[in-house]
Each structure stands twice: as structure tokens, then as C-alpha cells.
Amino acid sequence: MDDETLDRLVAEAKRGDREAFGRIFDAYAGPIHRFIASRVNGPSDAEDLTQLVFVKALEALPRYEARGIPFGGWLFRLARNAIIDQIRTRRDHLSLVAAVTRETDDAGPEAQAALQDDLDKVASALTELTDDQREVIELRFFAGLSVLETAVAMGRQEGTVRGLQFRAIASLRRSLGIEVGAPAKSGPSAASVVAATMNVLR
């Protein structure tokens, strides 16, 4: 969805147009759900929190003013706050890679074994990042946010996000033994965290 269309839909949704809000939901529900699922324990929790984020968004929408803040970043900030609230009360957390492994069930035995090996390596590499670095990687490359949207979601400056991203990628390259300019992996992991990570590190 281009920025002009999104701005129009947001304006219409603020005026009470439920169809416009539905189109916003359709555009963002998937990325929001994936982001939440990577950080909470259980599919039902992710679904519940995704619904909660959009309920809160609908309630807060009349008060939303862009002022240079991307709407996507605002939504992901709501998602981040919902996750923090749940972690504080439930004290549980699911790693990013563990959540993605659920997508590999349809792969053949050999492909699944190779993919699991890659996932294990990425999981290990991700644990070496700081919490902020890992969150930047999740928001930028798994949720697909821009630097500005990521900055809004995290409540940070764009320069800070770029610095965290640079250091995170450098750390992942070292941990995974990937040289600058190395080709991304292909094959069964194309739809997985591994492919996304490899593409980031090219």
C-alpha cells in the first residue's frame, strides 16, 4: 500500500469509516501478528494480542496525528507496548527462530533437517545480540518496517536505529561466518528466517 492510499484510509477511518479501517487491518494484520508471534509464547496469545492492538488502534485513532510519524510505526509501537505488558504479567518469551520453525512442517525430511540446522545457527547468532539490536532486526527485516517506522515503534531516533542495525548485522555476519558480498542461501529456507537473515547480510 502506497503512502498516499494509506493516508487517505487513515483519514477516512478517523471519520468512522469501518471499511477504511478494515483495509488498514488487512494490510497490517499479517506483519503485526508475525512480530508479536516472535515474542510471545503460543499462537493463541499472538492472535489475542494482535486483535488487542487493533482494538486499541481503533479506540486511539481519533486522537492520532501524523506529525511526521508513519502510521505503521505507530501501530508497531502499540504492538510493542502490548508485548511488554504481557511479558511483564506472564513472564514468558518465545524466540524469533522458534516461532518460525513452525513454518517448516511441510518440508521433506532432508530439507527440514538442513533448514533446522540453519535455524539453529541463526538462533545462536541472534542470542549474541543485545535486546535492542535483536528488536531492530525483527522490526526492520522480519516485520518489514522502514528505519523511520522502526524508530517510532521503539521510541528511538533514526540515527540510533541505523547504528543498532549496523552493529547487529556486523555481529550476525561474524557469528554466521558470512563475508560481505557472499550470496544469499536458496532452497527450502527461502520463506524462513534464514533466508531473510542471509539477504540482510549480503
C-alpha atoms as a PDB file:
ATOM      1  CA  MET A   1       0.000   0.000   0.000  1.00  0.00           C
ATOM      2  CA  ASP A   2       1.478   3.366  -1.005  1.00  0.00           C
ATOM      3  CA  ASP A   3       1.710   6.270   1.429  1.00  0.00           C
ATOM      4  CA  GLU A   4      -0.970   8.329  -0.323  1.00  0.00           C
ATOM      5  CA  THR A   5      -3.516   5.499  -0.139  1.00  0.00           C
ATOM      6  CA  LEU A   6      -2.653   4.823   3.495  1.00  0.00           C
ATOM      7  CA  ASP A   7      -3.015   8.492   4.440  1.00  0.00           C
ATOM      8  CA  ARG A   8      -6.422   8.588   2.759  1.00  0.00           C
ATOM      9  CA  LEU A   9      -7.586   5.421   4.509  1.00  0.00           C
ATOM     10  CA  VAL A  10      -6.383   6.698   7.885  1.00  0.00           C
ATOM     11  CA  ALA A  11      -8.263   9.974   7.364  1.00  0.00           C
ATOM     12  CA  GLU A  12     -11.425   8.091   6.393  1.00  0.00           C
ATOM     13  CA  ALA A  13     -11.063   5.680   9.331  1.00  0.00           C
ATOM     14  CA  LYS A  14     -10.678   8.623  11.717  1.00  0.00           C
ATOM     15  CA  ARG A  15     -14.050   9.841  10.462  1.00  0.00           C
ATOM     16  CA  GLY A  16     -15.589   6.495  11.380  1.00  0.00           C
ATOM     17  CA  ASP A  17     -15.335   4.644   8.064  1.00  0.00           C
ATOM     18  CA  ARG A  18     -15.128   0.985   9.146  1.00  0.00           C
ATOM     19  CA  GLU A  19     -14.383  -0.225   5.622  1.00  0.00           C
ATOM     20  CA  ALA A  20     -11.305   2.013   5.513  1.00  0.00           C
ATOM     21  CA  PHE A  21     -10.156   0.649   8.862  1.00  0.00           C
ATOM     22  CA  GLY A  22     -10.752  -2.860   7.542  1.00  0.00           C
ATOM     23  CA  ARG A  23      -8.383  -2.210   4.650  1.00  0.00           C
ATOM     24  CA  ILE A  24      -5.771  -0.928   7.100  1.00  0.00           C
ATOM     25  CA  PHE A  25      -6.276  -4.078   9.158  1.00  0.00           C
ATOM     26  CA  ASP A  26      -5.833  -6.260   6.064  1.00  0.00           C
ATOM     27  CA  ALA A  27      -2.565  -4.501   5.215  1.00  0.00           C
ATOM     28  CA  TYR A  28      -1.009  -4.647   8.680  1.00  0.00           C
ATOM     29  CA  ALA A  29      -2.531  -7.637  10.477  1.00  0.00           C
ATOM     30  CA  GLY A  30      -0.042 -10.120   8.992  1.00  0.00           C
ATOM     31  CA  PRO A  31       3.152  -8.183   9.821  1.00  0.00           C
ATOM     32  CA  ILE A  32       1.847  -7.239  13.281  1.00  0.00           C
ATOM     33  CA  HIS A  33       0.920 -10.861  14.008  1.00  0.00           C
ATOM     34  CA  ARG A  34       4.334 -12.156  12.878  1.00  0.00           C
ATOM     35  CA  PHE A  35       6.099  -9.589  15.044  1.00  0.00           C
ATOM     36  CA  ILE A  36       4.001 -10.497  18.081  1.00  0.00           C
ATOM     37  CA  ALA A  37       4.283 -14.251  17.453  1.00  0.00           C
ATOM     38  CA  SER A  38       8.069 -13.953  17.501  1.00  0.00           C
ATOM     39  CA  ARG A  39       7.998 -12.610  21.024  1.00  0.00           C
ATOM     40  CA  VAL A  40       5.194 -14.346  22.935  1.00  0.00           C
ATOM     41  CA  ASN A  41       4.526 -17.921  23.944  1.00  0.00           C
ATOM     42  CA  GLY A  42       1.810 -19.579  21.919  1.00  0.00           C
ATOM     43  CA  PRO A  43      -0.270 -18.954  18.776  1.00  0.00           C
ATOM     44  CA  SER A  44      -3.380 -18.108  20.781  1.00  0.00           C
ATOM     45  CA  ASP A  45      -1.502 -15.391  22.671  1.00  0.00           C
ATOM     46  CA  ALA A  46      -0.269 -13.911  19.386  1.00  0.00           C
ATOM     47  CA  GLU A  47      -3.777 -13.901  17.932  1.00  0.00           C
ATOM     48  CA  ASP A  48      -5.256 -12.344  21.071  1.00  0.00           C
ATOM     49  CA  LEU A  49      -2.601  -9.622  21.226  1.00  0.00           C
ATOM     50  CA  THR A  50      -2.953  -8.868  17.509  1.00  0.00           C
ATOM     51  CA  GLN A  51      -6.676  -8.329  17.999  1.00  0.00           C
ATOM     52  CA  LEU A  52      -5.942  -6.205  21.074  1.00  0.00           C
ATOM     53  CA  VAL A  53      -3.559  -3.991  19.109  1.00  0.00           C
ATOM     54  CA  PHE A  54      -6.207  -3.223  16.508  1.00  0.00           C
ATOM     55  CA  VAL A  55      -8.864  -2.642  19.151  1.00  0.00           C
ATOM     56  CA  LYS A  56      -6.540  -0.131  20.813  1.00  0.00           C
ATOM     57  CA  ALA A  57      -5.724   1.383  17.422  1.00  0.00           C
ATOM     58  CA  LEU A  58      -9.407   1.840  16.642  1.00  0.00           C
ATOM     59  CA  GLU A  59     -10.010   3.461  20.036  1.00  0.00           C
ATOM     60  CA  ALA A  60      -6.997   5.780  19.726  1.00  0.00           C
ATOM     61  CA  LEU A  61      -7.400   6.583  16.027  1.00  0.00           C
ATOM     62  CA  PRO A  62      -9.491   9.765  16.519  1.00  0.00           C
ATOM     63  CA  ARG A  63      -6.557  11.200  18.511  1.00  0.00           C
ATOM     64  CA  TYR A  64      -3.861  10.058  16.056  1.00  0.00           C
ATOM     65  CA  GLU A  65      -1.994  12.844  14.308  1.00  0.00           C
ATOM     66  CA  ALA A  66       0.795  12.042  11.870  1.00  0.00           C
ATOM     67  CA  ARG A  67       3.185  14.928  12.593  1.00  0.00           C
ATOM     68  CA  GLY A  68       5.863  13.127  10.624  1.00  0.00           C
ATOM     69  CA  ILE A  69       5.239   9.817  12.404  1.00  0.00           C
ATOM     70  CA  PRO A  70       4.431   6.968   9.980  1.00  0.00           C
ATOM     71  CA  PHE A  71       1.167   5.221  10.754  1.00  0.00           C
ATOM     72  CA  GLY A  72       2.868   1.825  10.501  1.00  0.00           C
ATOM     73  CA  GLY A  73       5.384   2.837  13.141  1.00  0.00           C
ATOM     74  CA  TRP A  74       2.555   3.984  15.397  1.00  0.00           C
ATOM     75  CA  LEU A  75       0.815   0.609  15.036  1.00  0.00           C
ATOM     76  CA  PHE A  76       4.001  -1.303  15.809  1.00  0.00           C
ATOM     77  CA  ARG A  77       4.555   0.849  18.885  1.00  0.00           C
ATOM     78  CA  LEU A  78       1.112  -0.265  20.087  1.00  0.00           C
ATOM     79  CA  ALA A  79       2.146  -3.859  19.369  1.00  0.00           C
ATOM     80  CA  ARG A  80       5.431  -3.442  21.211  1.00  0.00           C
ATOM     81  CA  ASN A  81       3.666  -1.984  24.237  1.00  0.00           C
ATOM     82  CA  ALA A  82       1.163  -4.845  24.238  1.00  0.00           C
ATOM     83  CA  ILE A  83       4.008  -7.369  24.180  1.00  0.00           C
ATOM     84  CA  ILE A  84       5.815  -5.618  27.030  1.00  0.00           C
ATOM     85  CA  ASP A  85       2.626  -5.595  29.108  1.00  0.00           C
ATOM     86  CA  GLN A  86       2.119  -9.313  28.510  1.00  0.00           C
ATOM     87  CA  ILE A  87       5.719 -10.239  29.263  1.00  0.00           C
ATOM     88  CA  ARG A  88       5.546  -8.267  32.486  1.00  0.00           C
ATOM     89  CA  THR A  89       2.492 -10.190  33.575  1.00  0.00           C
ATOM     90  CA  ARG A  90       3.189 -13.593  32.072  1.00  0.00           C
ATOM     91  CA  ARG A  91       6.994 -13.609  32.138  1.00  0.00           C
ATOM     92  CA  ASP A  92       7.222 -15.815  29.074  1.00  0.00           C
ATOM     93  CA  HIS A  93       9.023 -15.290  25.796  1.00  0.00           C
ATOM     94  CA  LEU A  94       9.422 -17.244  22.575  1.00  0.00           C
ATOM     95  CA  SER A  95      12.478 -16.713  20.440  1.00  0.00           C
ATOM     96  CA  LEU A  96      12.112 -15.406  16.915  1.00  0.00           C
ATOM     97  CA  VAL A  97      13.527 -18.510  15.295  1.00  0.00           C
ATOM     98  CA  ALA A  98      11.469 -20.917  17.407  1.00  0.00           C
ATOM     99  CA  ALA A  99       8.330 -19.233  16.136  1.00  0.00           C
ATOM    100  CA  VAL A 100       9.400 -19.523  12.516  1.00  0.00           C
ATOM    101  CA  THR A 101      10.238 -23.229  12.751  1.00  0.00           C
ATOM    102  CA  ARG A 102       6.504 -23.902  12.791  1.00  0.00           C
ATOM    103  CA  GLU A 103       6.507 -22.910   9.113  1.00  0.00           C
ATOM    104  CA  THR A 104       8.847 -25.798   8.173  1.00  0.00           C
ATOM    105  CA  ASP A 105       6.460 -28.691   8.903  1.00  0.00           C
ATOM    106  CA  ASP A 106       5.657 -29.249   5.213  1.00  0.00           C
ATOM    107  CA  ALA A 107       9.312 -29.655   4.165  1.00  0.00           C
ATOM    108  CA  GLY A 108      10.731 -33.087   3.340  1.00  0.00           C
ATOM    109  CA  PRO A 109      12.974 -34.854   5.892  1.00  0.00           C
ATOM    110  CA  GLU A 110      16.283 -33.827   4.302  1.00  0.00           C
ATOM    111  CA  ALA A 111      15.181 -30.278   3.593  1.00  0.00           C
ATOM    112  CA  GLN A 112      13.737 -29.971   7.077  1.00  0.00           C
ATOM    113  CA  ALA A 113      16.974 -31.220   8.655  1.00  0.00           C
ATOM    114  CA  ALA A 114      19.053 -28.743   6.633  1.00  0.00           C
ATOM    115  CA  LEU A 115      16.680 -25.914   7.435  1.00  0.00           C
ATOM    116  CA  GLN A 116      16.682 -26.793  11.126  1.00  0.00           C
ATOM    117  CA  ASP A 117      20.480 -26.677  11.124  1.00  0.00           C
ATOM    118  CA  ASP A 118      20.367 -23.208   9.581  1.00  0.00           C
ATOM    119  CA  LEU A 119      17.715 -22.092  12.043  1.00  0.00           C
ATOM    120  CA  ASP A 120      19.818 -23.322  14.956  1.00  0.00           C
ATOM    121  CA  LYS A 121      22.777 -21.307  13.699  1.00  0.00           C
ATOM    122  CA  VAL A 122      20.654 -18.184  13.286  1.00  0.00           C
ATOM    123  CA  ALA A 123      19.082 -18.727  16.718  1.00  0.00           C
ATOM    124  CA  SER A 124      22.525 -18.938  18.274  1.00  0.00           C
ATOM    125  CA  ALA A 125      23.678 -15.821  16.421  1.00  0.00           C
ATOM    126  CA  LEU A 126      20.598 -13.870  17.496  1.00  0.00           C
ATOM    127  CA  THR A 127      21.224 -14.657  21.168  1.00  0.00           C
ATOM    128  CA  GLU A 128      24.539 -12.830  20.895  1.00  0.00           C
ATOM    129  CA  LEU A 129      22.779  -9.569  20.005  1.00  0.00           C
ATOM    130  CA  THR A 130      21.596  -7.082  22.587  1.00  0.00           C
ATOM    131  CA  ASP A 131      17.843  -6.828  23.118  1.00  0.00           C
ATOM    132  CA  ASP A 132      17.734  -3.545  21.184  1.00  0.00           C
ATOM    133  CA  GLN A 133      19.769  -4.963  18.292  1.00  0.00           C
ATOM    134  CA  ARG A 134      17.539  -8.027  18.070  1.00  0.00           C
ATOM    135  CA  GLU A 135      14.411  -5.858  18.098  1.00  0.00           C
ATOM    136  CA  VAL A 136      15.762  -3.705  15.279  1.00  0.00           C
ATOM    137  CA  ILE A 137      16.423  -6.830  13.185  1.00  0.00           C
ATOM    138  CA  GLU A 138      12.907  -8.112  13.906  1.00  0.00           C
ATOM    139  CA  LEU A 139      11.213  -4.833  13.038  1.00  0.00           C
ATOM    140  CA  ARG A 140      13.334  -3.939  10.019  1.00  0.00           C
ATOM    141  CA  PHE A 141      13.694  -7.282   8.292  1.00  0.00           C
ATOM    142  CA  PHE A 142      11.026  -9.634   9.624  1.00  0.00           C
ATOM    143  CA  ALA A 143       8.218  -7.101  10.046  1.00  0.00           C
ATOM    144  CA  GLY A 144       9.424  -5.056   7.051  1.00  0.00           C
ATOM    145  CA  LEU A 145       9.382  -1.607   8.648  1.00  0.00           C
ATOM    146  CA  SER A 146      11.394   1.333   7.374  1.00  0.00           C
ATOM    147  CA  VAL A 147      14.067   2.929   9.558  1.00  0.00           C
ATOM    148  CA  LEU A 148      11.665   5.736  10.463  1.00  0.00           C
ATOM    149  CA  GLU A 149       8.834   3.325  11.315  1.00  0.00           C
ATOM    150  CA  THR A 150      11.230   1.247  13.417  1.00  0.00           C
ATOM    151  CA  ALA A 151      12.395   4.365  15.239  1.00  0.00           C
ATOM    152  CA  VAL A 152       8.800   5.297  16.011  1.00  0.00           C
ATOM    153  CA  ALA A 153       7.940   1.774  17.182  1.00  0.00           C
ATOM    154  CA  MET A 154      10.960   1.689  19.505  1.00  0.00           C
ATOM    155  CA  GLY A 155      10.751   5.292  20.638  1.00  0.00           C
ATOM    156  CA  ARG A 156      14.288   5.951  19.342  1.00  0.00           C
ATOM    157  CA  GLN A 157      15.965   8.327  16.909  1.00  0.00           C
ATOM    158  CA  GLU A 158      16.547   7.180  13.325  1.00  0.00           C
ATOM    159  CA  GLY A 159      20.303   7.501  13.787  1.00  0.00           C
ATOM    160  CA  THR A 160      20.145   5.236  16.819  1.00  0.00           C
ATOM    161  CA  VAL A 161      18.210   2.627  14.841  1.00  0.00           C
ATOM    162  CA  ARG A 162      20.744   2.754  11.999  1.00  0.00           C
ATOM    163  CA  GLY A 163      23.578   2.311  14.474  1.00  0.00           C
ATOM    164  CA  LEU A 164      21.874  -0.639  16.160  1.00  0.00           C
ATOM    165  CA  GLN A 165      21.170  -2.198  12.760  1.00  0.00           C
ATOM    166  CA  PHE A 166      24.774  -1.763  11.606  1.00  0.00           C
ATOM    167  CA  ARG A 167      26.178  -3.360  14.759  1.00  0.00           C
ATOM    168  CA  ALA A 168      23.603  -6.166  14.705  1.00  0.00           C
ATOM    169  CA  ILE A 169      24.372  -7.074  11.093  1.00  0.00           C
ATOM    170  CA  ALA A 170      28.115  -6.974  11.759  1.00  0.00           C
ATOM    171  CA  SER A 171      27.625  -9.298  14.723  1.00  0.00           C
ATOM    172  CA  LEU A 172      25.448 -11.707  12.729  1.00  0.00           C
ATOM    173  CA  ARG A 173      27.981 -11.772   9.894  1.00  0.00           C
ATOM    174  CA  ARG A 174      30.738 -12.702  12.327  1.00  0.00           C
ATOM    175  CA  SER A 175      28.637 -15.338  14.089  1.00  0.00           C
ATOM    176  CA  LEU A 176      27.440 -16.944  10.857  1.00  0.00           C
ATOM    177  CA  GLY A 177      30.779 -16.672   9.071  1.00  0.00           C
ATOM    178  CA  ILE A 178      29.300 -14.634   6.218  1.00  0.00           C
ATOM    179  CA  GLU A 179      31.644 -12.430   4.232  1.00  0.00           C
ATOM    180  CA  VAL A 180      30.497  -9.154   2.727  1.00  0.00           C
ATOM    181  CA  GLY A 181      29.165  -9.834  -0.776  1.00  0.00           C
ATOM    182  CA  ALA A 182      28.512 -13.526  -0.115  1.00  0.00           C
ATOM    183  CA  PRO A 183      25.425 -14.793  -1.979  1.00  0.00           C
ATOM    184  CA  ALA A 184      22.251 -15.447  -0.033  1.00  0.00           C
ATOM    185  CA  LYS A 185      21.262 -19.040   0.587  1.00  0.00           C
ATOM    186  CA  SER A 186      18.500 -20.515  -1.522  1.00  0.00           C
ATOM    187  CA  GLY A 187      16.377 -23.619  -1.343  1.00  0.00           C
ATOM    188  CA  PRO A 188      13.991 -24.724   1.388  1.00  0.00           C
ATOM    189  CA  SER A 189      14.818 -21.789   3.647  1.00  0.00           C
ATOM    190  CA  ALA A 190      13.650 -19.192   1.134  1.00  0.00           C
ATOM    191  CA  ALA A 191      10.495 -18.481   3.161  1.00  0.00           C
ATOM    192  CA  SER A 192      12.236 -18.736   6.520  1.00  0.00           C
ATOM    193  CA  VAL A 193      14.117 -16.572   8.921  1.00  0.00           C
ATOM    194  CA  VAL A 194      17.336 -17.942   7.469  1.00  0.00           C
ATOM    195  CA  ALA A 195      16.666 -16.542   4.009  1.00  0.00           C
ATOM    196  CA  ALA A 196      15.652 -13.194   5.451  1.00  0.00           C
ATOM    197  CA  THR A 197      18.778 -13.075   7.559  1.00  0.00           C
ATOM    198  CA  MET A 198      21.038 -14.106   4.699  1.00  0.00           C
ATOM    199  CA  ASN A 199      19.511 -11.439   2.465  1.00  0.00           C
ATOM    200  CA  VAL A 200      20.149  -8.858   5.178  1.00  0.00           C
ATOM    201  CA  LEU A 201      23.771  -9.885   5.420  1.00  0.00           C
ATOM    202  CA  ARG A 202      24.615  -9.858   1.719  1.00  0.00           C
END
